[in-house]
Amino acid sequence: MKIIDPIYGDYVIDGILEELIYSNPVQRLKGVYQGGASYFVNEKWDVTRYEHSVGVMLLIKKLGGSLEEQIAGLLHDISHTAFSHVIDFVFENRDEDYHEKIYDQIITNSEIPYILSKYGYDYRSLLLDNSKWSLLEQPAPELCVDRIDYTLRDMYHYENITIEEIEIFLHNLIIIEGKIYLKDINTAEWFVKIYYKEVIDFFMNPLNIYGYDLLAKTLKIALDKKIITMNTLLGTDEEVLNLLRLSNDKDVENLLNQIHQSVKVEEDTVEYHLHRKNKLRLIDPSVFYNAQLIPSSEISTEIKKMNENAKRKAEEGTYVKIISNEFIS
């Protein structure tokens, strides 16, 4: 198969990767929006988990990662439920890691182990211990492919950065002992700035916070009333929405009617209707400087300041004032 990716270019994929891409668990991700509730309040926020998962696989390949790590990258998000991280708001799970908690179960009960075994791989050793995949995942505040791809993909798709900027950034990545670092402080400053456009300006956008809050309340009621189950949430966003719409439950219907693309909100710390905090996400990528790796904030006062501002904003949360949430046809 040929993959035409807007960020990393064209690739021909075959063998085990092609078979995994066509598997049901990966194809389901085409119907799961990466931004959770974002798409339902702004149709432009439409990046899917599928696009991200394939992108992670391609970036690992581009950086020289093994076939095994490409497989792990492709499959790292298949346990995301419908609406992605909205489920974490349903359960008030501040670590936002529900998909990680059910990953082993989802993999084990899928066709993935069979596909891997056809090519001589044991799924347990390949997929159930991400610590061996140092390109794919690293603890914050360092860089990893997962963190890089969702930032570049969202910010490019939402027209905050150009493909030329992305190419310069990728050219300035270096791999040392299987981990990703940066060649210079200018590249670090650029990425830190873009990362906070993602996790502060986008994730904590008042409209995003509104959508998450309303959809989380809807799902909580639907789960409590057994209109849906946790198993239902292993479908696509649209499949779950259809069940909610067909439930004829007044409480669910009332909330769903307030989630649409004509909503108008603003941030207001005095006259607000809801307040939400997101998981604290900080970035401080190490730079190869004077023949050693140094956290970029120790070199750049700009990065240090951006980190302080991001931490303060994440701790404060977002205060949302609803201007209008009546549906306008």
Protein backbone atom coordinates (compact mmCIF):
# COMPACT_ATOMS: atom_id res chain seq x y z
CA MET A 1 0.00 0.00 0.00
CA LYS A 2 1.07 3.59 -0.56
CA ILE A 3 0.70 6.10 2.25
CA ILE A 4 0.68 9.79 1.40
CA ASP A 5 1.32 11.63 4.64
CA PRO A 6 1.09 15.45 4.66
CA ILE A 7 4.02 15.72 7.07
CA TYR A 8 6.46 12.91 6.33
CA GLY A 9 5.78 12.34 2.62
CA ASP A 10 5.05 9.22 0.59
CA TYR A 11 5.88 5.70 1.74
CA VAL A 12 5.21 2.22 0.39
CA ILE A 13 4.21 -0.09 3.23
CA ASP A 14 3.85 -3.85 2.87
CA GLY A 15 4.08 -7.10 4.81
CA ILE A 16 3.19 -7.10 8.47
CA LEU A 17 2.71 -3.32 8.70
CA GLU A 18 0.24 -3.33 5.82
CA GLU A 19 -1.71 -6.21 7.35
CA LEU A 20 -1.82 -4.47 10.72
CA ILE A 21 -2.98 -1.21 9.15
CA TYR A 22 -5.90 -3.05 7.53
CA SER A 23 -6.80 -4.82 10.79
CA ASN A 24 -10.06 -3.88 12.52
CA PRO A 25 -8.46 -2.30 15.62
CA VAL A 26 -6.39 0.11 13.51
CA GLN A 27 -9.15 0.87 11.01
CA ARG A 28 -11.51 1.73 13.91
CA LEU A 29 -9.22 4.66 14.73
CA LYS A 30 -10.39 6.39 11.53
CA GLY A 31 -13.62 7.01 13.44
CA VAL A 32 -12.00 8.26 16.67
CA TYR A 33 -11.10 11.95 16.73
CA GLN A 34 -7.82 12.72 18.43
CA GLY A 35 -9.20 15.88 20.03
CA GLY A 36 -11.95 14.03 21.88
CA ALA A 37 -14.88 16.43 21.88
CA SER A 38 -13.07 19.00 19.74
CA TYR A 39 -14.57 18.06 16.38
CA PHE A 40 -18.12 18.33 17.70
CA VAL A 41 -17.68 22.02 18.54
CA ASN A 42 -15.36 22.91 15.63
CA GLU A 43 -15.41 20.86 12.42
CA LYS A 44 -11.86 21.99 11.57
CA TRP A 45 -10.47 20.11 14.58
CA ASP A 46 -10.74 16.79 12.80
CA VAL A 47 -7.41 14.94 13.11
CA THR A 48 -8.06 11.25 13.86
CA ARG A 49 -6.23 8.68 15.98
CA TYR A 50 -5.62 6.75 12.76
CA GLU A 51 -3.70 9.62 11.16
CA HIS A 52 -1.63 10.03 14.31
CA SER A 53 -0.92 6.30 14.67
CA VAL A 54 0.26 5.95 11.08
CA GLY A 55 2.27 9.15 11.51
CA VAL A 56 4.02 7.75 14.59
CA MET A 57 4.92 4.62 12.64
CA LEU A 58 6.30 6.68 9.74
CA LEU A 59 8.35 8.99 11.95
CA ILE A 60 9.92 6.01 13.74
CA LYS A 61 10.80 4.62 10.30
CA LYS A 62 12.18 8.00 9.20
CA LEU A 63 14.39 8.15 12.30
CA GLY A 64 15.81 4.70 11.68
CA GLY A 65 13.73 2.78 14.20
CA SER A 66 13.38 -0.99 13.87
CA LEU A 67 10.41 -2.74 12.28
CA GLU A 68 9.41 -3.89 15.75
CA GLU A 69 9.32 -0.34 17.06
CA GLN A 70 7.32 0.75 14.00
CA ILE A 71 4.78 -1.94 14.88
CA ALA A 72 4.62 -0.75 18.48
CA GLY A 73 4.18 2.83 17.24
CA LEU A 74 1.38 1.94 14.86
CA LEU A 75 -0.51 0.10 17.62
CA HIS A 76 0.21 2.37 20.59
CA ASP A 77 -3.22 4.06 20.54
CA ILE A 78 -5.60 1.24 19.58
CA SER A 79 -7.01 1.08 23.11
CA HIS A 80 -8.34 4.64 22.98
CA THR A 81 -12.08 4.61 23.52
CA ALA A 82 -14.49 6.66 21.47
CA PHE A 83 -13.90 10.38 22.05
CA SER A 84 -10.31 9.67 23.16
CA HIS A 85 -9.48 11.43 26.45
CA VAL A 86 -13.08 12.44 27.21
CA ILE A 87 -13.38 9.15 29.13
CA ASP A 88 -10.72 10.43 31.54
CA PHE A 89 -12.97 13.39 32.32
CA VAL A 90 -15.89 11.00 32.88
CA PHE A 91 -13.88 9.17 35.55
CA GLU A 92 -12.07 12.32 36.74
CA ASN A 93 -8.82 10.55 35.93
CA ARG A 94 -6.26 13.34 36.20
CA ASP A 95 -3.45 11.24 34.69
CA GLU A 96 -5.50 10.91 31.48
CA ASP A 97 -4.22 7.37 30.98
CA TYR A 98 -7.36 5.22 30.87
CA HIS A 99 -6.36 3.91 27.43
CA GLU A 100 -3.06 2.72 28.87
CA LYS A 101 -4.80 0.85 31.69
CA ILE A 102 -6.88 -1.21 29.25
CA TYR A 103 -4.20 -1.60 26.55
CA ASP A 104 -3.17 -5.16 27.48
CA GLN A 105 -6.80 -6.31 27.52
CA ILE A 106 -7.65 -4.68 24.17
CA ILE A 107 -4.59 -6.13 22.44
CA THR A 108 -5.10 -9.62 23.89
CA ASN A 109 -8.76 -9.78 22.83
CA SER A 110 -8.12 -8.56 19.28
CA GLU A 111 -6.82 -10.09 16.05
CA ILE A 112 -3.42 -8.44 16.63
CA PRO A 113 -1.77 -11.43 18.40
CA TYR A 114 -2.74 -13.71 15.49
CA ILE A 115 -1.35 -11.33 12.86
CA LEU A 116 1.91 -10.92 14.76
CA SER A 117 2.27 -14.68 15.26
CA LYS A 118 2.03 -15.22 11.47
CA TYR A 119 5.24 -13.22 11.17
CA GLY A 120 6.99 -14.91 14.08
CA TYR A 121 6.31 -12.33 16.80
CA ASP A 122 4.91 -12.86 20.28
CA TYR A 123 2.60 -9.95 21.06
CA ARG A 124 3.41 -10.00 24.77
CA SER A 125 7.12 -9.32 24.33
CA LEU A 126 6.55 -6.88 21.46
CA LEU A 127 3.69 -4.75 22.74
CA LEU A 128 3.16 -5.07 26.48
CA ASP A 129 6.35 -3.31 27.58
CA ASN A 130 6.78 0.12 25.98
CA SER A 131 9.94 0.84 27.97
CA LYS A 132 12.00 -0.95 25.33
CA TRP A 133 10.85 1.48 22.61
CA SER A 134 12.87 4.58 23.38
CA LEU A 135 11.94 6.47 20.20
CA LEU A 136 8.22 5.89 20.68
CA GLU A 137 7.86 6.87 24.35
CA GLN A 138 9.90 8.89 26.84
CA PRO A 139 8.83 10.45 30.12
CA ALA A 140 8.19 14.18 29.92
CA PRO A 141 9.82 16.64 29.60
CA GLU A 142 11.97 14.91 26.95
CA LEU A 143 11.02 14.36 23.30
CA CYS A 144 9.54 11.17 21.89
CA VAL A 145 7.86 10.30 18.60
CA ASP A 146 4.37 10.19 20.11
CA ARG A 147 4.75 13.70 21.57
CA ILE A 148 6.38 15.06 18.41
CA ASP A 149 3.80 13.67 15.99
CA TYR A 150 0.65 14.84 17.75
CA THR A 151 2.15 18.30 18.14
CA LEU A 152 3.34 18.65 14.54
CA ARG A 153 0.24 17.02 13.08
CA ASP A 154 -2.30 19.13 14.95
CA MET A 155 -0.41 22.38 14.58
CA TYR A 156 0.19 21.84 10.85
CA HIS A 157 -3.40 20.77 10.23
CA TYR A 158 -4.71 23.78 12.17
CA GLU A 159 -2.39 26.09 10.19
CA ASN A 160 -0.12 27.20 13.02
CA ILE A 161 3.08 25.96 11.36
CA THR A 162 4.31 25.32 7.81
CA ILE A 163 5.74 22.21 6.20
CA GLU A 164 9.01 24.10 5.73
CA GLU A 165 9.27 24.69 9.48
CA ILE A 166 8.54 21.02 10.11
CA GLU A 167 11.26 19.91 7.70
CA ILE A 168 13.82 22.17 9.40
CA PHE A 169 12.81 20.80 12.80
CA LEU A 170 13.07 17.16 11.69
CA HIS A 171 16.47 17.85 10.13
CA ASN A 172 17.68 19.10 13.52
CA LEU A 173 16.75 15.97 15.45
CA ILE A 174 19.58 13.70 16.56
CA ILE A 175 19.40 10.16 17.92
CA ILE A 176 21.72 9.23 20.77
CA GLU A 177 21.42 5.73 22.27
CA GLY A 178 17.96 5.36 20.75
CA LYS A 179 16.58 8.61 22.18
CA ILE A 180 15.64 11.88 20.47
CA TYR A 181 17.49 15.12 21.17
CA LEU A 182 18.01 18.43 19.40
CA LYS A 183 21.05 19.83 17.62
CA ASP A 184 20.66 23.46 18.68
CA ILE A 185 18.81 25.77 21.02
CA ASN A 186 16.95 27.61 18.23
CA THR A 187 15.22 24.37 17.28
CA ALA A 188 14.38 23.74 20.92
CA GLU A 189 12.85 27.20 21.30
CA TRP A 190 10.74 26.69 18.18
CA PHE A 191 9.40 23.30 19.31
CA VAL A 192 8.68 24.38 22.89
CA LYS A 193 6.70 27.33 21.56
CA ILE A 194 4.70 25.08 19.19
CA TYR A 195 4.18 22.42 21.86
CA TYR A 196 2.55 24.98 24.15
CA LYS A 197 0.34 26.16 21.29
CA GLU A 198 -0.87 22.55 21.31
CA VAL A 199 -1.24 21.69 25.00
CA ILE A 200 -2.15 25.16 26.32
CA ASP A 201 -3.69 27.20 23.48
CA PHE A 202 -5.48 24.23 21.83
CA PHE A 203 -6.11 21.62 24.56
CA MET A 204 -7.15 24.35 27.01
CA ASN A 205 -9.04 26.47 24.49
CA PRO A 206 -12.34 27.49 26.19
CA LEU A 207 -14.34 25.90 23.37
CA ASN A 208 -12.44 22.65 23.78
CA ILE A 209 -12.95 22.69 27.54
CA TYR A 210 -16.67 23.31 27.01
CA GLY A 211 -16.97 20.38 24.60
CA TYR A 212 -15.11 18.01 26.91
CA ASP A 213 -17.18 19.02 29.92
CA LEU A 214 -20.55 18.60 28.22
CA LEU A 215 -19.64 15.35 26.47
CA ALA A 216 -18.16 13.87 29.66
CA LYS A 217 -21.38 14.70 31.53
CA THR A 218 -23.40 13.08 28.72
CA LEU A 219 -21.36 9.87 28.79
CA LYS A 220 -21.48 9.69 32.59
CA ILE A 221 -25.27 9.87 32.60
CA ALA A 222 -25.51 7.36 29.74
CA LEU A 223 -23.23 4.93 31.59
CA ASP A 224 -25.10 5.37 34.88
CA LYS A 225 -28.43 4.70 33.14
CA LYS A 226 -26.91 1.77 31.22
CA ILE A 227 -27.79 3.38 27.89
CA ILE A 228 -24.22 2.50 26.93
CA THR A 229 -21.54 0.32 28.50
CA MET A 230 -17.76 0.54 28.59
CA ASN A 231 -17.78 -2.04 25.81
CA THR A 232 -19.91 0.33 23.71
CA LEU A 233 -17.12 2.90 23.98
CA LEU A 234 -14.78 0.54 22.13
CA GLY A 235 -16.59 1.53 18.95
CA THR A 236 -16.22 4.76 16.96
CA ASP A 237 -17.34 8.23 17.98
CA GLU A 238 -20.25 8.17 15.54
CA GLU A 239 -21.43 4.70 16.63
CA VAL A 240 -21.64 5.84 20.24
CA LEU A 241 -23.32 9.12 19.29
CA ASN A 242 -25.96 7.24 17.32
CA LEU A 243 -26.80 5.11 20.36
CA LEU A 244 -27.05 8.21 22.51
CA ARG A 245 -29.31 9.96 19.99
CA LEU A 246 -31.58 6.91 19.72
CA SER A 247 -31.90 6.51 23.49
CA ASN A 248 -34.78 9.01 23.76
CA ASP A 249 -33.47 9.86 27.21
CA LYS A 250 -34.32 13.48 28.06
CA ASP A 251 -31.18 14.11 30.12
CA VAL A 252 -28.89 12.76 27.40
CA GLU A 253 -30.81 14.58 24.69
CA ASN A 254 -30.64 17.89 26.58
CA LEU A 255 -26.85 17.68 26.93
CA LEU A 256 -26.26 16.51 23.36
CA ASN A 257 -28.27 19.45 22.07
CA GLN A 258 -25.75 21.78 23.71
CA ILE A 259 -22.77 20.23 21.89
CA HIS A 260 -22.59 21.71 18.41
CA GLN A 261 -20.57 24.02 16.19
CA SER A 262 -22.56 27.19 16.86
CA VAL A 263 -21.49 27.34 20.52
CA LYS A 264 -19.93 30.64 21.58
CA VAL A 265 -17.76 30.81 24.68
CA GLU A 266 -14.96 32.94 26.08
CA GLU A 267 -12.47 32.80 28.91
CA ASP A 268 -13.58 34.80 31.94
CA THR A 269 -12.07 34.26 35.38
CA VAL A 270 -14.81 36.32 37.08
CA GLU A 271 -18.14 35.48 35.40
CA TYR A 272 -17.67 31.84 34.41
CA HIS A 273 -19.94 28.81 34.10
CA LEU A 274 -17.39 26.06 34.29
CA HIS A 275 -13.78 25.56 35.30
CA ARG A 276 -11.53 22.70 34.19
CA LYS A 277 -7.92 21.71 34.65
CA ASN A 278 -6.05 19.48 32.23
CA LYS A 279 -3.15 17.17 32.90
CA LEU A 280 0.09 19.13 33.39
CA ARG A 281 2.17 18.67 30.23
CA LEU A 282 5.59 20.32 30.24
CA ILE A 283 8.42 20.01 27.69
CA ASP A 284 12.13 20.71 28.19
CA PRO A 285 14.01 18.84 25.44
CA SER A 286 17.71 18.27 25.94
CA VAL A 287 20.07 19.90 23.46
CA PHE A 288 23.51 18.69 22.38
CA TYR A 289 25.56 21.63 23.61
CA ASN A 290 29.32 21.82 24.19
CA ALA A 291 29.61 18.09 23.56
CA GLN A 292 27.02 17.19 26.20
CA LEU A 293 23.25 16.93 26.60
CA ILE A 294 21.74 19.81 28.57
CA PRO A 295 18.06 20.61 29.29
CA SER A 296 17.17 23.47 26.97
CA SER A 297 15.77 25.60 29.80
CA GLU A 298 19.26 25.78 31.29
CA ILE A 299 20.49 27.45 28.11
CA SER A 300 17.46 29.47 27.02
CA THR A 301 15.76 32.00 29.27
CA GLU A 302 12.92 32.07 26.73
CA ILE A 303 12.24 28.35 27.24
CA LYS A 304 12.47 28.72 31.01
CA LYS A 305 9.88 31.49 30.85
CA MET A 306 7.58 29.50 28.52
CA ASN A 307 7.72 26.56 30.93
CA GLU A 308 6.88 28.76 33.90
CA ASN A 309 3.94 30.31 32.05
CA ALA A 310 2.66 26.91 30.89
CA LYS A 311 2.88 25.46 34.40
CA ARG A 312 1.02 28.42 35.85
CA LYS A 313 -1.73 28.20 33.20
CA ALA A 314 -2.14 24.44 33.66
CA GLU A 315 -2.41 24.85 37.42
CA GLU A 316 -4.96 27.66 37.06
CA GLY A 317 -7.05 25.81 34.51
CA THR A 318 -9.54 27.39 32.13
CA TYR A 319 -12.56 29.43 33.23
CA VAL A 320 -15.29 29.28 30.60
CA LYS A 321 -18.14 31.72 30.19
CA ILE A 322 -20.90 30.47 27.91
CA ILE A 323 -22.11 33.24 25.59
CA SER A 324 -24.50 31.08 23.59
CA ASN A 325 -25.04 27.34 23.25
CA GLU A 326 -28.35 27.35 21.44
CA PHE A 327 -28.24 25.48 18.17
CA ILE A 328 -28.53 27.76 15.13
CA SER A 329 -29.70 25.90 12.02
